[in-house]
Amino acid sequence: MMLYVTSVKLEGIHHITAITADAQKNVDFYAGVLGLRLVKKTVNQDNPTVYHLFFADEKGSAGSDLTFFEFPGVPPGRAGAGDVHRIVWRVGSFQSLDFWGERLAANGIEAERAGDALRFSDPEGLEHELLVAAVGDEPLIADHPEVPAELALQGFHAVCAYSAEPEASRRLLEALEFEPVDTGWEARGERRGGLYLYDEAPDERSLQGAGSVHHVAWASKMDEHEEWRERAISGGAQPTPVIDRFYFRSIYFREPSGVLFEIATLGPGFTVDEPVERLGEKLSLPPDYEHLRSEVEPNLRPVTNPRTARAG
């Protein structure tokens, strides 16, 4: 029988992974328009024939890391019960909302202002919200010549999921030390927190495709990872064994609403195979996949990173 240390908490959202049909257009929007940094260009370790792109702050920090699997030409997705349908980012001021409303409009993206928030969808339909959030967490900001640091995105605040029966998730979320908040739950550790919010599910069924969220990952300290697996089991989940993703270690399971959860470790991190100043500039393959480079790389469509293109 495992004895739990009650002070153990998840450190908010680690990363969010979605699907794109076009890696270049995806990079143009997230690294070009939204001002995030492409911090890792690698492959999907479960399907190494396709890209896995990681966008984050300047250091590639967990808590700001939005990732995409590219499945070229995949049809558009549709969020339904059991899906995360909106990603909520922190910004520092109402001036930031003004800035982003103008910047998005200049790039052909319609946005809707609602009080302290700005909502829009990316070119493939993935919903985002920028929220003026009064929290003390460190702002996780990327450098971009067209985005002043004080107006930049500051990392994740929440994910919003559709659920037909939110109460069914209580046992598991309590086992994972989430705390109840209005319309959902919060995972807050020593340094960072993130919200998991529920909305009423639409009648239309979920379709996974371009612009849909694949999973949300919550952040664990390295030495607590096995304990989180045991806690997930005690809450009724059926987690995978620990999987070494090279940049972090992971377990996966579905919570009762149907959303795919991952618990990922805070480390080793993206600088394990690239210096921080060169993150995302080349195709990085974990050691177990390096022998596939001659087969994989020629079949991946080249991607131009706006950041390195400007530098050149």
C-alpha atoms as a PDB file:
ATOM      1  CA  MET A   1       0.000   0.000   0.000  1.00  0.00           C
ATOM      2  CA  MET A   2       1.430   3.372  -1.040  1.00  0.00           C
ATOM      3  CA  LEU A   3       1.413   6.188   1.514  1.00  0.00           C
ATOM      4  CA  TYR A   4       0.846   9.546  -0.134  1.00  0.00           C
ATOM      5  CA  VAL A   5       2.480  12.821   0.841  1.00  0.00           C
ATOM      6  CA  THR A   6      -0.515  15.157   0.898  1.00  0.00           C
ATOM      7  CA  SER A   7       1.552  18.229  -0.052  1.00  0.00           C
ATOM      8  CA  VAL A   8       2.276  16.771  -3.502  1.00  0.00           C
ATOM      9  CA  LYS A   9       0.563  18.840  -6.199  1.00  0.00           C
ATOM     10  CA  LEU A  10       0.657  18.984  -9.968  1.00  0.00           C
ATOM     11  CA  GLU A  11       2.330  22.145 -11.261  1.00  0.00           C
ATOM     12  CA  GLY A  12      -0.496  23.252 -13.528  1.00  0.00           C
ATOM     13  CA  ILE A  13      -0.610  22.548 -17.252  1.00  0.00           C
ATOM     14  CA  HIS A  14       2.579  21.098 -18.743  1.00  0.00           C
ATOM     15  CA  HIS A  15       1.591  21.178 -22.418  1.00  0.00           C
ATOM     16  CA  ILE A  16      -1.389  20.915 -24.740  1.00  0.00           C
ATOM     17  CA  THR A  17      -1.202  18.874 -27.947  1.00  0.00           C
ATOM     18  CA  ALA A  18      -3.416  19.459 -30.971  1.00  0.00           C
ATOM     19  CA  ILE A  19      -3.561  18.407 -34.626  1.00  0.00           C
ATOM     20  CA  THR A  20      -2.706  20.351 -37.773  1.00  0.00           C
ATOM     21  CA  ALA A  21      -3.067  19.479 -41.447  1.00  0.00           C
ATOM     22  CA  ASP A  22      -0.300  21.850 -42.570  1.00  0.00           C
ATOM     23  CA  ALA A  23       2.909  22.325 -40.593  1.00  0.00           C
ATOM     24  CA  GLN A  24       4.056  25.425 -42.467  1.00  0.00           C
ATOM     25  CA  LYS A  25       0.780  27.306 -42.046  1.00  0.00           C
ATOM     26  CA  ASN A  26       0.762  26.203 -38.417  1.00  0.00           C
ATOM     27  CA  VAL A  27       4.263  27.612 -37.851  1.00  0.00           C
ATOM     28  CA  ASP A  28       3.361  30.813 -39.694  1.00  0.00           C
ATOM     29  CA  PHE A  29       0.449  31.413 -37.343  1.00  0.00           C
ATOM     30  CA  TYR A  30       1.872  30.387 -33.971  1.00  0.00           C
ATOM     31  CA  ALA A  31       5.477  31.553 -34.415  1.00  0.00           C
ATOM     32  CA  GLY A  32       4.653  34.369 -36.836  1.00  0.00           C
ATOM     33  CA  VAL A  33       1.349  35.873 -35.712  1.00  0.00           C
ATOM     34  CA  LEU A  34       1.007  34.805 -32.049  1.00  0.00           C
ATOM     35  CA  GLY A  35       4.693  35.410 -31.348  1.00  0.00           C
ATOM     36  CA  LEU A  36       5.489  32.062 -29.746  1.00  0.00           C
ATOM     37  CA  ARG A  37       8.863  30.429 -30.226  1.00  0.00           C
ATOM     38  CA  LEU A  38       9.207  27.179 -32.167  1.00  0.00           C
ATOM     39  CA  VAL A  39      11.314  25.397 -29.554  1.00  0.00           C
ATOM     40  CA  LYS A  40      11.400  21.855 -30.915  1.00  0.00           C
ATOM     41  CA  LYS A  41      10.899  20.380 -34.375  1.00  0.00           C
ATOM     42  CA  THR A  42      10.755  16.627 -34.014  1.00  0.00           C
ATOM     43  CA  VAL A  43       8.549  13.662 -34.933  1.00  0.00           C
ATOM     44  CA  ASN A  44       5.542  12.011 -33.367  1.00  0.00           C
ATOM     45  CA  GLN A  45       7.182   9.222 -31.378  1.00  0.00           C
ATOM     46  CA  ASP A  46       4.146   6.970 -31.891  1.00  0.00           C
ATOM     47  CA  ASN A  47       4.177   7.675 -35.647  1.00  0.00           C
ATOM     48  CA  PRO A  48       7.641   8.957 -36.622  1.00  0.00           C
ATOM     49  CA  THR A  49       6.620   9.621 -40.222  1.00  0.00           C
ATOM     50  CA  VAL A  50       4.975  12.925 -39.194  1.00  0.00           C
ATOM     51  CA  TYR A  51       6.074  16.119 -37.484  1.00  0.00           C
ATOM     52  CA  HIS A  52       5.627  16.985 -33.830  1.00  0.00           C
ATOM     53  CA  LEU A  53       6.051  20.750 -33.430  1.00  0.00           C
ATOM     54  CA  PHE A  54       6.430  22.488 -30.048  1.00  0.00           C
ATOM     55  CA  PHE A  55       5.752  26.211 -29.479  1.00  0.00           C
ATOM     56  CA  ALA A  56       6.482  27.862 -26.146  1.00  0.00           C
ATOM     57  CA  ASP A  57       8.170  30.784 -24.419  1.00  0.00           C
ATOM     58  CA  GLU A  58      11.808  31.766 -24.954  1.00  0.00           C
ATOM     59  CA  LYS A  59      13.145  28.941 -22.762  1.00  0.00           C
ATOM     60  CA  GLY A  60      10.750  26.204 -23.875  1.00  0.00           C
ATOM     61  CA  SER A  61       9.080  26.173 -20.459  1.00  0.00           C
ATOM     62  CA  ALA A  62       6.337  23.811 -19.405  1.00  0.00           C
ATOM     63  CA  GLY A  63       3.202  25.864 -18.868  1.00  0.00           C
ATOM     64  CA  SER A  64       3.522  27.624 -22.224  1.00  0.00           C
ATOM     65  CA  ASP A  65       4.071  24.640 -24.498  1.00  0.00           C
ATOM     66  CA  LEU A  66       1.501  24.186 -27.281  1.00  0.00           C
ATOM     67  CA  THR A  67       2.362  21.256 -29.539  1.00  0.00           C
ATOM     68  CA  PHE A  68       0.997  19.911 -32.813  1.00  0.00           C
ATOM     69  CA  PHE A  69       1.035  16.610 -34.646  1.00  0.00           C
ATOM     70  CA  GLU A  70       0.983  17.218 -38.393  1.00  0.00           C
ATOM     71  CA  PHE A  71      -1.172  14.833 -40.408  1.00  0.00           C
ATOM     72  CA  PRO A  72      -0.977  16.347 -43.906  1.00  0.00           C
ATOM     73  CA  GLY A  73      -4.378  16.924 -45.473  1.00  0.00           C
ATOM     74  CA  VAL A  74      -6.401  15.564 -42.533  1.00  0.00           C
ATOM     75  CA  PRO A  75      -9.999  16.939 -42.601  1.00  0.00           C
ATOM     76  CA  PRO A  76     -11.107  19.567 -40.050  1.00  0.00           C
ATOM     77  CA  GLY A  77     -12.002  18.302 -36.612  1.00  0.00           C
ATOM     78  CA  ARG A  78     -15.021  19.131 -34.468  1.00  0.00           C
ATOM     79  CA  ALA A  79     -15.036  19.322 -30.683  1.00  0.00           C
ATOM     80  CA  GLY A  80     -17.676  17.321 -28.829  1.00  0.00           C
ATOM     81  CA  ALA A  81     -18.174  15.577 -25.512  1.00  0.00           C
ATOM     82  CA  GLY A  82     -14.808  14.374 -24.237  1.00  0.00           C
ATOM     83  CA  ASP A  83     -12.770  17.067 -25.980  1.00  0.00           C
ATOM     84  CA  VAL A  84     -10.883  20.146 -24.897  1.00  0.00           C
ATOM     85  CA  HIS A  85     -12.450  22.824 -27.092  1.00  0.00           C
ATOM     86  CA  ARG A  86     -10.722  26.034 -25.958  1.00  0.00           C
ATOM     87  CA  ILE A  87      -7.242  27.020 -24.741  1.00  0.00           C
ATOM     88  CA  VAL A  88      -7.041  29.993 -22.377  1.00  0.00           C
ATOM     89  CA  TRP A  89      -3.829  32.044 -22.271  1.00  0.00           C
ATOM     90  CA  ARG A  90      -2.811  34.675 -19.747  1.00  0.00           C
ATOM     91  CA  VAL A  91      -2.047  38.236 -20.764  1.00  0.00           C
ATOM     92  CA  GLY A  92      -1.045  41.112 -18.527  1.00  0.00           C
ATOM     93  CA  SER A  93      -3.431  43.968 -19.328  1.00  0.00           C
ATOM     94  CA  PHE A  94      -6.403  45.305 -21.243  1.00  0.00           C
ATOM     95  CA  GLN A  95      -3.867  47.048 -23.486  1.00  0.00           C
ATOM     96  CA  SER A  96      -2.689  43.578 -24.446  1.00  0.00           C
ATOM     97  CA  LEU A  97      -6.210  42.643 -25.527  1.00  0.00           C
ATOM     98  CA  ASP A  98      -6.357  45.797 -27.664  1.00  0.00           C
ATOM     99  CA  PHE A  99      -3.015  44.913 -29.241  1.00  0.00           C
ATOM    100  CA  TRP A 100      -4.028  41.353 -30.043  1.00  0.00           C
ATOM    101  CA  GLY A 101      -7.395  42.370 -31.425  1.00  0.00           C
ATOM    102  CA  GLU A 102      -5.642  44.666 -33.889  1.00  0.00           C
ATOM    103  CA  ARG A 103      -2.855  42.199 -34.717  1.00  0.00           C
ATOM    104  CA  LEU A 104      -5.240  39.325 -35.342  1.00  0.00           C
ATOM    105  CA  ALA A 105      -7.486  41.490 -37.528  1.00  0.00           C
ATOM    106  CA  ALA A 106      -4.462  42.587 -39.567  1.00  0.00           C
ATOM    107  CA  ASN A 107      -3.762  38.906 -40.213  1.00  0.00           C
ATOM    108  CA  GLY A 108      -7.314  38.030 -41.222  1.00  0.00           C
ATOM    109  CA  ILE A 109      -8.424  36.519 -37.896  1.00  0.00           C
ATOM    110  CA  GLU A 110     -11.733  37.630 -36.397  1.00  0.00           C
ATOM    111  CA  ALA A 111     -11.739  38.074 -32.623  1.00  0.00           C
ATOM    112  CA  GLU A 112     -14.539  38.735 -30.125  1.00  0.00           C
ATOM    113  CA  ARG A 113     -13.968  40.945 -27.070  1.00  0.00           C
ATOM    114  CA  ALA A 114     -15.828  39.955 -23.912  1.00  0.00           C
ATOM    115  CA  GLY A 115     -14.840  42.033 -20.877  1.00  0.00           C
ATOM    116  CA  ASP A 116     -11.438  40.882 -19.701  1.00  0.00           C
ATOM    117  CA  ALA A 117     -11.056  38.326 -22.495  1.00  0.00           C
ATOM    118  CA  LEU A 118     -10.546  38.082 -26.251  1.00  0.00           C
ATOM    119  CA  ARG A 119     -11.673  34.975 -28.138  1.00  0.00           C
ATOM    120  CA  PHE A 120     -10.674  33.789 -31.596  1.00  0.00           C
ATOM    121  CA  SER A 121      -9.887  30.628 -33.551  1.00  0.00           C
ATOM    122  CA  ASP A 122      -6.708  29.736 -35.402  1.00  0.00           C
ATOM    123  CA  PRO A 123      -6.910  29.209 -39.191  1.00  0.00           C
ATOM    124  CA  GLU A 124      -7.917  25.559 -38.637  1.00  0.00           C
ATOM    125  CA  GLY A 125     -10.634  26.321 -36.094  1.00  0.00           C
ATOM    126  CA  LEU A 126      -8.845  25.707 -32.772  1.00  0.00           C
ATOM    127  CA  GLU A 127     -10.394  28.058 -30.211  1.00  0.00           C
ATOM    128  CA  HIS A 128      -8.274  30.359 -28.054  1.00  0.00           C
ATOM    129  CA  GLU A 129      -9.007  32.897 -25.362  1.00  0.00           C
ATOM    130  CA  LEU A 130      -6.670  35.593 -24.073  1.00  0.00           C
ATOM    131  CA  LEU A 131      -7.544  36.470 -20.478  1.00  0.00           C
ATOM    132  CA  VAL A 132      -6.330  39.275 -18.227  1.00  0.00           C
ATOM    133  CA  ALA A 133      -5.559  36.976 -15.298  1.00  0.00           C
ATOM    134  CA  ALA A 134      -4.543  38.255 -11.866  1.00  0.00           C
ATOM    135  CA  VAL A 135      -2.215  35.448 -10.759  1.00  0.00           C
ATOM    136  CA  GLY A 136       1.272  35.568  -9.326  1.00  0.00           C
ATOM    137  CA  ASP A 137       2.796  32.906 -11.578  1.00  0.00           C
ATOM    138  CA  GLU A 138       5.879  33.800 -13.602  1.00  0.00           C
ATOM    139  CA  PRO A 139       4.940  35.159 -17.049  1.00  0.00           C
ATOM    140  CA  LEU A 140       6.248  32.774 -19.714  1.00  0.00           C
ATOM    141  CA  ILE A 141       7.060  35.034 -22.664  1.00  0.00           C
ATOM    142  CA  ALA A 142       8.707  34.540 -26.044  1.00  0.00           C
ATOM    143  CA  ASP A 143      10.746  37.217 -27.822  1.00  0.00           C
ATOM    144  CA  HIS A 144       9.240  38.531 -31.053  1.00  0.00           C
ATOM    145  CA  PRO A 145      10.223  41.782 -32.782  1.00  0.00           C
ATOM    146  CA  GLU A 146       6.594  42.732 -33.479  1.00  0.00           C
ATOM    147  CA  VAL A 147       5.208  41.833 -30.036  1.00  0.00           C
ATOM    148  CA  PRO A 148       6.243  43.990 -27.048  1.00  0.00           C
ATOM    149  CA  ALA A 149       7.127  41.801 -24.059  1.00  0.00           C
ATOM    150  CA  GLU A 150       4.555  43.484 -21.818  1.00  0.00           C
ATOM    151  CA  LEU A 151       1.796  42.585 -24.309  1.00  0.00           C
ATOM    152  CA  ALA A 152       2.911  39.044 -25.160  1.00  0.00           C
ATOM    153  CA  LEU A 153       1.176  35.800 -24.236  1.00  0.00           C
ATOM    154  CA  GLN A 154       2.241  34.716 -20.744  1.00  0.00           C
ATOM    155  CA  GLY A 155       1.525  30.982 -20.737  1.00  0.00           C
ATOM    156  CA  PHE A 156      -1.529  28.822 -20.149  1.00  0.00           C
ATOM    157  CA  HIS A 157      -4.297  29.699 -17.730  1.00  0.00           C
ATOM    158  CA  ALA A 158      -6.871  26.985 -18.471  1.00  0.00           C
ATOM    159  CA  VAL A 159      -8.329  24.446 -20.818  1.00  0.00           C
ATOM    160  CA  CYS A 160     -12.094  24.224 -21.373  1.00  0.00           C
ATOM    161  CA  ALA A 161     -13.579  20.782 -22.032  1.00  0.00           C
ATOM    162  CA  TYR A 162     -16.996  19.563 -23.098  1.00  0.00           C
ATOM    163  CA  SER A 163     -18.494  17.013 -20.711  1.00  0.00           C
ATOM    164  CA  ALA A 164     -21.904  15.338 -20.616  1.00  0.00           C
ATOM    165  CA  GLU A 165     -21.453  14.440 -16.936  1.00  0.00           C
ATOM    166  CA  PRO A 166     -18.802  16.545 -15.140  1.00  0.00           C
ATOM    167  CA  GLU A 167     -19.584  15.068 -11.724  1.00  0.00           C
ATOM    168  CA  ALA A 168     -18.383  11.657 -12.900  1.00  0.00           C
ATOM    169  CA  SER A 169     -14.821  13.034 -12.955  1.00  0.00           C
ATOM    170  CA  ARG A 170     -14.777  14.111  -9.307  1.00  0.00           C
ATOM    171  CA  ARG A 171     -13.246  10.946  -7.858  1.00  0.00           C
ATOM    172  CA  LEU A 172     -10.291  10.990 -10.252  1.00  0.00           C
ATOM    173  CA  LEU A 173      -9.648  14.720 -10.064  1.00  0.00           C
ATOM    174  CA  GLU A 174      -9.705  14.634  -6.270  1.00  0.00           C
ATOM    175  CA  ALA A 175      -7.250  11.715  -6.334  1.00  0.00           C
ATOM    176  CA  LEU A 176      -4.993  13.914  -8.496  1.00  0.00           C
ATOM    177  CA  GLU A 177      -5.220  16.718  -5.894  1.00  0.00           C
ATOM    178  CA  PHE A 178      -7.208  19.090  -8.114  1.00  0.00           C
ATOM    179  CA  GLU A 179      -9.206  21.632  -6.096  1.00  0.00           C
ATOM    180  CA  PRO A 180     -12.783  22.563  -7.073  1.00  0.00           C
ATOM    181  CA  VAL A 181     -13.379  26.049  -8.516  1.00  0.00           C
ATOM    182  CA  ASP A 182     -16.338  27.610 -10.326  1.00  0.00           C
ATOM    183  CA  THR A 183     -17.261  25.447 -13.345  1.00  0.00           C
ATOM    184  CA  GLY A 184     -14.280  23.187 -12.867  1.00  0.00           C
ATOM    185  CA  TRP A 185     -11.032  22.390 -11.076  1.00  0.00           C
ATOM    186  CA  GLU A 186      -7.562  23.793 -10.438  1.00  0.00           C
ATOM    187  CA  ALA A 187      -4.201  22.020 -10.280  1.00  0.00           C
ATOM    188  CA  ARG A 188      -1.864  24.362  -8.403  1.00  0.00           C
ATOM    189  CA  GLY A 189       1.608  23.480  -7.225  1.00  0.00           C
ATOM    190  CA  GLU A 190       4.393  25.438  -5.565  1.00  0.00           C
ATOM    191  CA  ARG A 191       5.243  27.531  -8.629  1.00  0.00           C
ATOM    192  CA  ARG A 192       2.366  27.325 -11.077  1.00  0.00           C
ATOM    193  CA  GLY A 193      -1.305  26.512 -11.479  1.00  0.00           C
ATOM    194  CA  GLY A 194      -3.760  25.775 -14.245  1.00  0.00           C
ATOM    195  CA  LEU A 195      -7.529  25.379 -14.514  1.00  0.00           C
ATOM    196  CA  TYR A 196      -9.580  22.563 -15.986  1.00  0.00           C
ATOM    197  CA  LEU A 197     -13.029  23.929 -16.799  1.00  0.00           C
ATOM    198  CA  TYR A 198     -16.173  22.197 -18.049  1.00  0.00           C
ATOM    199  CA  ASP A 199     -18.774  23.381 -20.521  1.00  0.00           C
ATOM    200  CA  GLU A 200     -21.997  21.655 -21.518  1.00  0.00           C
ATOM    201  CA  ALA A 201     -21.385  19.299 -24.405  1.00  0.00           C
ATOM    202  CA  PRO A 202     -22.956  20.059 -27.786  1.00  0.00           C
ATOM    203  CA  ASP A 203     -25.242  17.567 -29.509  1.00  0.00           C
ATOM    204  CA  GLU A 204     -22.791  17.008 -32.363  1.00  0.00           C
ATOM    205  CA  ARG A 205     -20.357  14.152 -31.935  1.00  0.00           C
ATOM    206  CA  SER A 206     -16.630  14.703 -31.704  1.00  0.00           C
ATOM    207  CA  LEU A 207     -14.509  14.395 -34.834  1.00  0.00           C
ATOM    208  CA  GLN A 208     -10.753  14.380 -34.366  1.00  0.00           C
ATOM    209  CA  GLY A 209      -8.950  16.281 -37.092  1.00  0.00           C
ATOM    210  CA  ALA A 210      -7.213  19.529 -37.944  1.00  0.00           C
ATOM    211  CA  GLY A 211      -7.825  22.168 -35.298  1.00  0.00           C
ATOM    212  CA  SER A 212      -8.782  19.699 -32.562  1.00  0.00           C
ATOM    213  CA  VAL A 213      -7.016  19.048 -29.262  1.00  0.00           C
ATOM    214  CA  HIS A 214      -5.502  15.594 -28.870  1.00  0.00           C
ATOM    215  CA  HIS A 215      -4.639  15.741 -25.157  1.00  0.00           C
ATOM    216  CA  VAL A 216      -3.757  17.965 -22.228  1.00  0.00           C
ATOM    217  CA  ALA A 217      -0.711  17.240 -20.054  1.00  0.00           C
ATOM    218  CA  TRP A 218      -0.309  18.200 -16.397  1.00  0.00           C
ATOM    219  CA  ALA A 219       3.106  18.880 -14.883  1.00  0.00           C
ATOM    220  CA  SER A 220       4.775  16.614 -12.355  1.00  0.00           C
ATOM    221  CA  LYS A 221       8.083  16.927 -10.575  1.00  0.00           C
ATOM    222  CA  MET A 222      10.487  14.202 -11.680  1.00  0.00           C
ATOM    223  CA  ASP A 223      10.615  12.378  -8.349  1.00  0.00           C
ATOM    224  CA  GLU A 224       6.820  12.367  -7.941  1.00  0.00           C
ATOM    225  CA  HIS A 225       5.886  10.869 -11.307  1.00  0.00           C
ATOM    226  CA  GLU A 226       5.390   7.265 -10.193  1.00  0.00           C
ATOM    227  CA  GLU A 227       3.266   8.478  -7.313  1.00  0.00           C
ATOM    228  CA  TRP A 228       0.970  10.308  -9.727  1.00  0.00           C
ATOM    229  CA  ARG A 229       0.496   7.078 -11.626  1.00  0.00           C
ATOM    230  CA  GLU A 230      -0.568   5.348  -8.413  1.00  0.00           C
ATOM    231  CA  ARG A 231      -2.906   8.210  -7.567  1.00  0.00           C
ATOM    232  CA  ALA A 232      -4.513   7.976 -11.005  1.00  0.00           C
ATOM    233  CA  ILE A 233      -5.125   4.265 -10.428  1.00  0.00           C
ATOM    234  CA  SER A 234      -6.638   4.978  -7.001  1.00  0.00           C
ATOM    235  CA  GLY A 235      -9.015   7.432  -8.694  1.00  0.00           C
ATOM    236  CA  GLY A 236     -10.263   4.774 -11.088  1.00  0.00           C
ATOM    237  CA  ALA A 237      -8.088   5.538 -14.125  1.00  0.00           C
ATOM    238  CA  GLN A 238      -6.096   3.029 -16.161  1.00  0.00           C
ATOM    239  CA  PRO A 239      -2.809   4.793 -16.871  1.00  0.00           C
ATOM    240  CA  THR A 240      -0.160   3.533 -19.241  1.00  0.00           C
ATOM    241  CA  PRO A 241       3.232   2.548 -17.887  1.00  0.00           C
ATOM    242  CA  VAL A 242       5.722   5.413 -17.696  1.00  0.00           C
ATOM    243  CA  ILE A 243       6.910   6.218 -21.232  1.00  0.00           C
ATOM    244  CA  ASP A 244      10.248   7.935 -21.773  1.00  0.00           C
ATOM    245  CA  ARG A 245       9.703  10.725 -24.316  1.00  0.00           C
ATOM    246  CA  PHE A 246      13.352  11.862 -23.943  1.00  0.00           C
ATOM    247  CA  TYR A 247      12.349  15.501 -23.279  1.00  0.00           C
ATOM    248  CA  PHE A 248      10.067  14.378 -20.436  1.00  0.00           C
ATOM    249  CA  ARG A 249       8.510  11.187 -19.073  1.00  0.00           C
ATOM    250  CA  SER A 250       4.796  10.570 -19.499  1.00  0.00           C
ATOM    251  CA  ILE A 251       1.805   8.532 -18.454  1.00  0.00           C
ATOM    252  CA  TYR A 252      -1.550   8.676 -20.273  1.00  0.00           C
ATOM    253  CA  PHE A 253      -5.139   7.899 -19.314  1.00  0.00           C
ATOM    254  CA  ARG A 254      -8.638   9.120 -20.041  1.00  0.00           C
ATOM    255  CA  GLU A 255     -10.578  10.921 -17.381  1.00  0.00           C
ATOM    256  CA  PRO A 256     -14.281   9.958 -17.126  1.00  0.00           C
ATOM    257  CA  SER A 257     -15.449  12.785 -19.403  1.00  0.00           C
ATOM    258  CA  GLY A 258     -13.380  11.215 -22.185  1.00  0.00           C
ATOM    259  CA  VAL A 259     -10.575  13.803 -22.305  1.00  0.00           C
ATOM    260  CA  LEU A 260      -7.137  12.265 -22.740  1.00  0.00           C
ATOM    261  CA  PHE A 261      -4.875  13.278 -19.853  1.00  0.00           C
ATOM    262  CA  GLU A 262      -1.112  13.041 -19.715  1.00  0.00           C
ATOM    263  CA  ILE A 263       1.062  13.626 -16.691  1.00  0.00           C
ATOM    264  CA  ALA A 264       4.484  14.760 -17.883  1.00  0.00           C
ATOM    265  CA  THR A 265       7.624  15.483 -15.904  1.00  0.00           C
ATOM    266  CA  LEU A 266       9.298  18.860 -15.526  1.00  0.00           C
ATOM    267  CA  GLY A 267      12.463  17.737 -17.252  1.00  0.00           C
ATOM    268  CA  PRO A 268      14.860  16.843 -18.687  1.00  0.00           C
ATOM    269  CA  GLY A 269      13.573  19.573 -21.034  1.00  0.00           C
ATOM    270  CA  PHE A 270      14.215  20.738 -24.579  1.00  0.00           C
ATOM    271  CA  THR A 271      17.824  21.808 -23.997  1.00  0.00           C
ATOM    272  CA  VAL A 272      18.874  18.175 -23.531  1.00  0.00           C
ATOM    273  CA  ASP A 273      19.818  18.046 -27.238  1.00  0.00           C
ATOM    274  CA  GLU A 274      19.936  21.726 -28.346  1.00  0.00           C
ATOM    275  CA  PRO A 275      21.306  24.841 -26.635  1.00  0.00           C
ATOM    276  CA  VAL A 276      18.601  27.285 -25.628  1.00  0.00           C
ATOM    277  CA  GLU A 277      19.713  29.855 -28.207  1.00  0.00           C
ATOM    278  CA  ARG A 278      19.274  27.315 -31.054  1.00  0.00           C
ATOM    279  CA  LEU A 279      16.033  25.628 -29.988  1.00  0.00           C
ATOM    280  CA  GLY A 280      13.810  24.501 -32.845  1.00  0.00           C
ATOM    281  CA  GLU A 281      16.249  25.257 -35.648  1.00  0.00           C
ATOM    282  CA  LYS A 282      16.828  21.675 -36.819  1.00  0.00           C
ATOM    283  CA  LEU A 283      14.974  18.388 -36.898  1.00  0.00           C
ATOM    284  CA  SER A 284      15.664  16.821 -33.497  1.00  0.00           C
ATOM    285  CA  LEU A 285      15.306  13.070 -33.086  1.00  0.00           C
ATOM    286  CA  PRO A 286      15.572  11.351 -29.700  1.00  0.00           C
ATOM    287  CA  PRO A 287      18.422   8.818 -29.567  1.00  0.00           C
ATOM    288  CA  ASP A 288      16.068   5.865 -30.019  1.00  0.00           C
ATOM    289  CA  TYR A 289      14.861   7.398 -33.308  1.00  0.00           C
ATOM    290  CA  GLU A 290      18.129   8.758 -34.701  1.00  0.00           C
ATOM    291  CA  HIS A 291      18.687   5.621 -36.784  1.00  0.00           C
ATOM    292  CA  LEU A 292      15.497   6.519 -38.694  1.00  0.00           C
ATOM    293  CA  ARG A 293      16.723   9.962 -39.797  1.00  0.00           C
ATOM    294  CA  SER A 294      17.707   8.907 -43.330  1.00  0.00           C
ATOM    295  CA  GLU A 295      14.232   7.411 -43.815  1.00  0.00           C
ATOM    296  CA  VAL A 296      12.164  10.045 -42.019  1.00  0.00           C
ATOM    297  CA  GLU A 297      13.722  13.394 -42.904  1.00  0.00           C
ATOM    298  CA  PRO A 298      13.366  13.169 -46.716  1.00  0.00           C
ATOM    299  CA  ASN A 299       9.621  12.512 -46.333  1.00  0.00           C
ATOM    300  CA  LEU A 300       8.916  15.532 -44.113  1.00  0.00           C
ATOM    301  CA  ARG A 301       8.039  18.708 -45.969  1.00  0.00           C
ATOM    302  CA  PRO A 302      10.593  21.430 -45.127  1.00  0.00           C
ATOM    303  CA  VAL A 303       9.292  24.038 -42.684  1.00  0.00           C
ATOM    304  CA  THR A 304      10.519  27.640 -42.638  1.00  0.00           C
ATOM    305  CA  ASN A 305      10.631  29.161 -39.168  1.00  0.00           C
ATOM    306  CA  PRO A 306       9.796  32.906 -39.301  1.00  0.00           C
ATOM    307  CA  ARG A 307      12.252  33.517 -36.468  1.00  0.00           C
ATOM    308  CA  THR A 308      15.267  32.051 -38.246  1.00  0.00           C
ATOM    309  CA  ALA A 309      14.136  33.534 -41.542  1.00  0.00           C
ATOM    310  CA  ARG A 310      14.234  37.022 -39.965  1.00  0.00           C
ATOM    311  CA  ALA A 311      17.647  36.316 -38.460  1.00  0.00           C
ATOM    312  CA  GLY A 312      18.956  35.279 -41.848  1.00  0.00           C
END
